[in-house]
Amino acid sequence: MSQVELLELIQSHVIILPDEVRSIIVDTEGKLWKDAKAVTAAMIRALIQDYYRQKSSRTMKPEGMGWRNRYNIHLLSGLSQRTIYQEWGVIEMLVESDFLERRPSLSHWGRQKYRYRLNLDFLPKSTSLLKSIQLFIEGDDD
């Protein structure tokens, strides 16, 4: 999947941040708003990458999809490391609003503490998490 296709898929899902986040960010043209959108797009991209990677290997484990550390978020979002690594920056704001999930990292290489992923509660409701992810990424076949 090309970068253009990824961007079109992300844009087709209309990135909408939770009300709690939008209430904190008054200026929708400001830096924090743009950073929140960039992190959200990066986390959607991570979920899409893992979905297609697992689909091609025929081992689908939805509970492991979409998790990234801060460095990987920096690479996917294009935001500076300073922005990503701020102690009370955009990532912490998104975690506090329950838009991102956080779990301890299995690896402590590079002093990483946590991994992050989009909270999957906003995905289309379906019979299984895997089907919800598939509906989100590929759409409905009907």
C-alpha atoms as a PDB file:
ATOM      1  CA  MET A   1       0.000   0.000   0.000  1.00  0.00           C
ATOM      2  CA  SER A   2       1.507   3.305  -1.091  1.00  0.00           C
ATOM      3  CA  GLN A   3       1.785   6.446   1.027  1.00  0.00           C
ATOM      4  CA  VAL A   4      -0.892   8.099  -1.137  1.00  0.00           C
ATOM      5  CA  GLU A   5      -3.301   5.200  -0.548  1.00  0.00           C
ATOM      6  CA  LEU A   6      -2.577   5.327   3.201  1.00  0.00           C
ATOM      7  CA  LEU A   7      -3.236   9.061   3.279  1.00  0.00           C
ATOM      8  CA  GLU A   8      -6.503   8.646   1.345  1.00  0.00           C
ATOM      9  CA  LEU A   9      -7.616   5.898   3.743  1.00  0.00           C
ATOM     10  CA  ILE A  10      -6.819   8.034   6.785  1.00  0.00           C
ATOM     11  CA  GLN A  11      -8.619  11.024   5.275  1.00  0.00           C
ATOM     12  CA  SER A  12     -11.635   8.888   4.341  1.00  0.00           C
ATOM     13  CA  HIS A  13     -12.049   8.018   8.025  1.00  0.00           C
ATOM     14  CA  VAL A  14     -12.252  11.716   8.948  1.00  0.00           C
ATOM     15  CA  ILE A  15     -10.039  12.161  11.981  1.00  0.00           C
ATOM     16  CA  ILE A  16     -12.252  13.369  14.813  1.00  0.00           C
ATOM     17  CA  LEU A  17     -10.704  13.939  18.198  1.00  0.00           C
ATOM     18  CA  PRO A  18     -12.750  13.404  21.378  1.00  0.00           C
ATOM     19  CA  ASP A  19     -14.634  16.398  22.828  1.00  0.00           C
ATOM     20  CA  GLU A  20     -12.342  16.410  25.879  1.00  0.00           C
ATOM     21  CA  VAL A  21      -9.339  16.902  23.616  1.00  0.00           C
ATOM     22  CA  ARG A  22     -11.059  19.522  21.467  1.00  0.00           C
ATOM     23  CA  SER A  23     -12.134  21.451  24.578  1.00  0.00           C
ATOM     24  CA  ILE A  24      -8.488  21.644  25.694  1.00  0.00           C
ATOM     25  CA  ILE A  25      -7.392  22.813  22.263  1.00  0.00           C
ATOM     26  CA  VAL A  26      -9.191  26.111  21.755  1.00  0.00           C
ATOM     27  CA  ASP A  27      -7.290  27.236  18.676  1.00  0.00           C
ATOM     28  CA  THR A  28      -7.874  24.656  15.918  1.00  0.00           C
ATOM     29  CA  GLU A  29      -5.198  26.308  13.823  1.00  0.00           C
ATOM     30  CA  GLY A  30      -2.645  26.089  16.637  1.00  0.00           C
ATOM     31  CA  LYS A  31       0.340  23.803  17.057  1.00  0.00           C
ATOM     32  CA  LEU A  32      -1.237  21.468  19.644  1.00  0.00           C
ATOM     33  CA  TRP A  33      -4.213  20.793  17.379  1.00  0.00           C
ATOM     34  CA  LYS A  34      -1.952  20.013  14.408  1.00  0.00           C
ATOM     35  CA  ASP A  35       0.247  17.791  16.584  1.00  0.00           C
ATOM     36  CA  ALA A  36      -2.801  15.865  17.863  1.00  0.00           C
ATOM     37  CA  LYS A  37      -3.987  15.288  14.293  1.00  0.00           C
ATOM     38  CA  ALA A  38      -0.492  14.158  13.209  1.00  0.00           C
ATOM     39  CA  VAL A  39      -0.245  11.667  16.098  1.00  0.00           C
ATOM     40  CA  THR A  40      -3.759  10.375  15.368  1.00  0.00           C
ATOM     41  CA  ALA A  41      -2.914   9.885  11.688  1.00  0.00           C
ATOM     42  CA  ALA A  42       0.322   8.098  12.686  1.00  0.00           C
ATOM     43  CA  MET A  43      -1.544   5.734  14.993  1.00  0.00           C
ATOM     44  CA  ILE A  44      -4.109   4.932  12.286  1.00  0.00           C
ATOM     45  CA  ARG A  45      -1.212   4.295   9.905  1.00  0.00           C
ATOM     46  CA  ALA A  46       0.364   1.922  12.491  1.00  0.00           C
ATOM     47  CA  LEU A  47      -2.888  -0.036  12.766  1.00  0.00           C
ATOM     48  CA  ILE A  48      -3.143  -0.272   8.967  1.00  0.00           C
ATOM     49  CA  GLN A  49       0.491  -1.379   8.614  1.00  0.00           C
ATOM     50  CA  ASP A  50       0.083  -4.135  11.200  1.00  0.00           C
ATOM     51  CA  TYR A  51      -3.209  -5.277   9.687  1.00  0.00           C
ATOM     52  CA  TYR A  52      -1.718  -5.746   6.213  1.00  0.00           C
ATOM     53  CA  ARG A  53       1.513  -7.218   7.582  1.00  0.00           C
ATOM     54  CA  GLN A  54      -0.409  -9.824   9.577  1.00  0.00           C
ATOM     55  CA  LYS A  55      -2.881 -10.431   6.761  1.00  0.00           C
ATOM     56  CA  SER A  56      -0.051 -11.304   4.362  1.00  0.00           C
ATOM     57  CA  SER A  57       1.541 -13.648   6.907  1.00  0.00           C
ATOM     58  CA  ARG A  58      -1.862 -15.253   7.650  1.00  0.00           C
ATOM     59  CA  THR A  59      -1.440 -14.892  11.424  1.00  0.00           C
ATOM     60  CA  MET A  60      -4.010 -12.372  12.592  1.00  0.00           C
ATOM     61  CA  LYS A  61      -3.599 -11.249  16.214  1.00  0.00           C
ATOM     62  CA  PRO A  62      -5.728  -8.109  16.601  1.00  0.00           C
ATOM     63  CA  GLU A  63      -4.741  -7.533  20.218  1.00  0.00           C
ATOM     64  CA  GLY A  64      -1.170  -6.861  19.076  1.00  0.00           C
ATOM     65  CA  MET A  65      -2.017  -4.506  16.202  1.00  0.00           C
ATOM     66  CA  GLY A  66      -1.158  -0.832  16.195  1.00  0.00           C
ATOM     67  CA  TRP A  67       1.205  -0.601  19.187  1.00  0.00           C
ATOM     68  CA  ARG A  68       4.143   1.792  18.765  1.00  0.00           C
ATOM     69  CA  ASN A  69       6.689   3.428  21.058  1.00  0.00           C
ATOM     70  CA  ARG A  70       7.326   7.169  21.036  1.00  0.00           C
ATOM     71  CA  TYR A  71      10.226   6.893  18.624  1.00  0.00           C
ATOM     72  CA  ASN A  72       8.078   5.011  16.102  1.00  0.00           C
ATOM     73  CA  ILE A  73       5.325   7.611  16.550  1.00  0.00           C
ATOM     74  CA  HIS A  74       7.917  10.292  15.808  1.00  0.00           C
ATOM     75  CA  LEU A  75       8.886   8.493  12.582  1.00  0.00           C
ATOM     76  CA  LEU A  76       5.280   7.901  11.467  1.00  0.00           C
ATOM     77  CA  SER A  77       3.990  11.368  12.333  1.00  0.00           C
ATOM     78  CA  GLY A  78       6.880  13.453  11.068  1.00  0.00           C
ATOM     79  CA  LEU A  79       6.759  15.473  14.305  1.00  0.00           C
ATOM     80  CA  SER A  80       9.997  16.447  16.014  1.00  0.00           C
ATOM     81  CA  GLN A  81      11.345  14.270  18.792  1.00  0.00           C
ATOM     82  CA  ARG A  82      11.060  17.240  21.141  1.00  0.00           C
ATOM     83  CA  THR A  83       7.295  17.370  20.470  1.00  0.00           C
ATOM     84  CA  ILE A  84       6.852  13.610  20.955  1.00  0.00           C
ATOM     85  CA  TYR A  85       9.031  13.267  24.049  1.00  0.00           C
ATOM     86  CA  GLN A  86       7.599  16.219  26.012  1.00  0.00           C
ATOM     87  CA  GLU A  87       6.565  15.043  29.468  1.00  0.00           C
ATOM     88  CA  TRP A  88       3.112  16.633  29.286  1.00  0.00           C
ATOM     89  CA  GLY A  89       2.794  16.949  25.517  1.00  0.00           C
ATOM     90  CA  VAL A  90       0.318  15.790  22.937  1.00  0.00           C
ATOM     91  CA  ILE A  91       0.723  12.054  23.574  1.00  0.00           C
ATOM     92  CA  GLU A  92      -0.025  12.391  27.287  1.00  0.00           C
ATOM     93  CA  MET A  93      -3.019  14.593  26.491  1.00  0.00           C
ATOM     94  CA  LEU A  94      -4.391  11.936  24.118  1.00  0.00           C
ATOM     95  CA  VAL A  95      -3.790   9.188  26.709  1.00  0.00           C
ATOM     96  CA  GLU A  96      -5.540  11.205  29.442  1.00  0.00           C
ATOM     97  CA  SER A  97      -8.569  11.689  27.171  1.00  0.00           C
ATOM     98  CA  ASP A  98      -8.695   7.901  26.514  1.00  0.00           C
ATOM     99  CA  PHE A  99      -8.078   8.417  22.806  1.00  0.00           C
ATOM    100  CA  LEU A 100      -4.781   6.506  23.018  1.00  0.00           C
ATOM    101  CA  GLU A 101      -4.144   3.401  25.083  1.00  0.00           C
ATOM    102  CA  ARG A 102      -0.845   2.955  26.906  1.00  0.00           C
ATOM    103  CA  ARG A 103       0.807  -0.234  28.136  1.00  0.00           C
ATOM    104  CA  PRO A 104       4.247  -0.983  29.542  1.00  0.00           C
ATOM    105  CA  SER A 105       6.833  -1.786  26.904  1.00  0.00           C
ATOM    106  CA  LEU A 106       8.248  -5.295  26.834  1.00  0.00           C
ATOM    107  CA  SER A 107      11.590  -3.864  25.751  1.00  0.00           C
ATOM    108  CA  HIS A 108      13.439  -1.199  27.692  1.00  0.00           C
ATOM    109  CA  TRP A 109      15.914  -0.549  24.907  1.00  0.00           C
ATOM    110  CA  GLY A 110      16.522   3.176  24.560  1.00  0.00           C
ATOM    111  CA  ARG A 111      14.845   3.812  27.951  1.00  0.00           C
ATOM    112  CA  GLN A 112      11.385   3.304  26.521  1.00  0.00           C
ATOM    113  CA  LYS A 113       8.689   2.801  29.121  1.00  0.00           C
ATOM    114  CA  TYR A 114       5.442   2.541  27.183  1.00  0.00           C
ATOM    115  CA  ARG A 115       3.842   1.611  23.895  1.00  0.00           C
ATOM    116  CA  TYR A 116       0.763   3.381  22.559  1.00  0.00           C
ATOM    117  CA  ARG A 117      -2.146   2.553  20.291  1.00  0.00           C
ATOM    118  CA  LEU A 118      -5.444   4.108  19.298  1.00  0.00           C
ATOM    119  CA  ASN A 119      -8.238   3.148  21.645  1.00  0.00           C
ATOM    120  CA  LEU A 120     -10.137   0.646  19.518  1.00  0.00           C
ATOM    121  CA  ASP A 121     -13.505   1.510  21.066  1.00  0.00           C
ATOM    122  CA  PHE A 122     -14.218   3.901  18.197  1.00  0.00           C
ATOM    123  CA  LEU A 123     -13.999   1.144  15.564  1.00  0.00           C
ATOM    124  CA  PRO A 124     -17.185  -0.099  13.912  1.00  0.00           C
ATOM    125  CA  LYS A 125     -18.974  -2.548  16.184  1.00  0.00           C
ATOM    126  CA  SER A 126     -18.840  -6.134  14.949  1.00  0.00           C
ATOM    127  CA  THR A 127     -18.777  -9.727  16.179  1.00  0.00           C
ATOM    128  CA  SER A 128     -15.021  -9.683  16.805  1.00  0.00           C
ATOM    129  CA  LEU A 129     -12.168  -7.231  17.189  1.00  0.00           C
ATOM    130  CA  LEU A 130     -10.585  -8.573  14.012  1.00  0.00           C
ATOM    131  CA  LYS A 131     -13.795  -7.981  12.038  1.00  0.00           C
ATOM    132  CA  SER A 132     -14.036  -4.448  13.503  1.00  0.00           C
ATOM    133  CA  ILE A 133     -10.492  -3.674  12.368  1.00  0.00           C
ATOM    134  CA  GLN A 134     -11.215  -5.151   8.936  1.00  0.00           C
ATOM    135  CA  LEU A 135     -14.373  -3.018   8.583  1.00  0.00           C
ATOM    136  CA  PHE A 136     -12.415   0.087   9.618  1.00  0.00           C
ATOM    137  CA  ILE A 137      -9.608  -0.498   7.130  1.00  0.00           C
ATOM    138  CA  GLU A 138     -11.265  -2.220   4.188  1.00  0.00           C
ATOM    139  CA  GLY A 139     -14.860  -1.079   4.551  1.00  0.00           C
ATOM    140  CA  ASP A 140     -18.002  -3.158   4.193  1.00  0.00           C
ATOM    141  CA  ASP A 141     -18.146  -5.631   1.320  1.00  0.00           C
ATOM    142  CA  ASP A 142     -21.862  -5.020   0.775  1.00  0.00           C
END
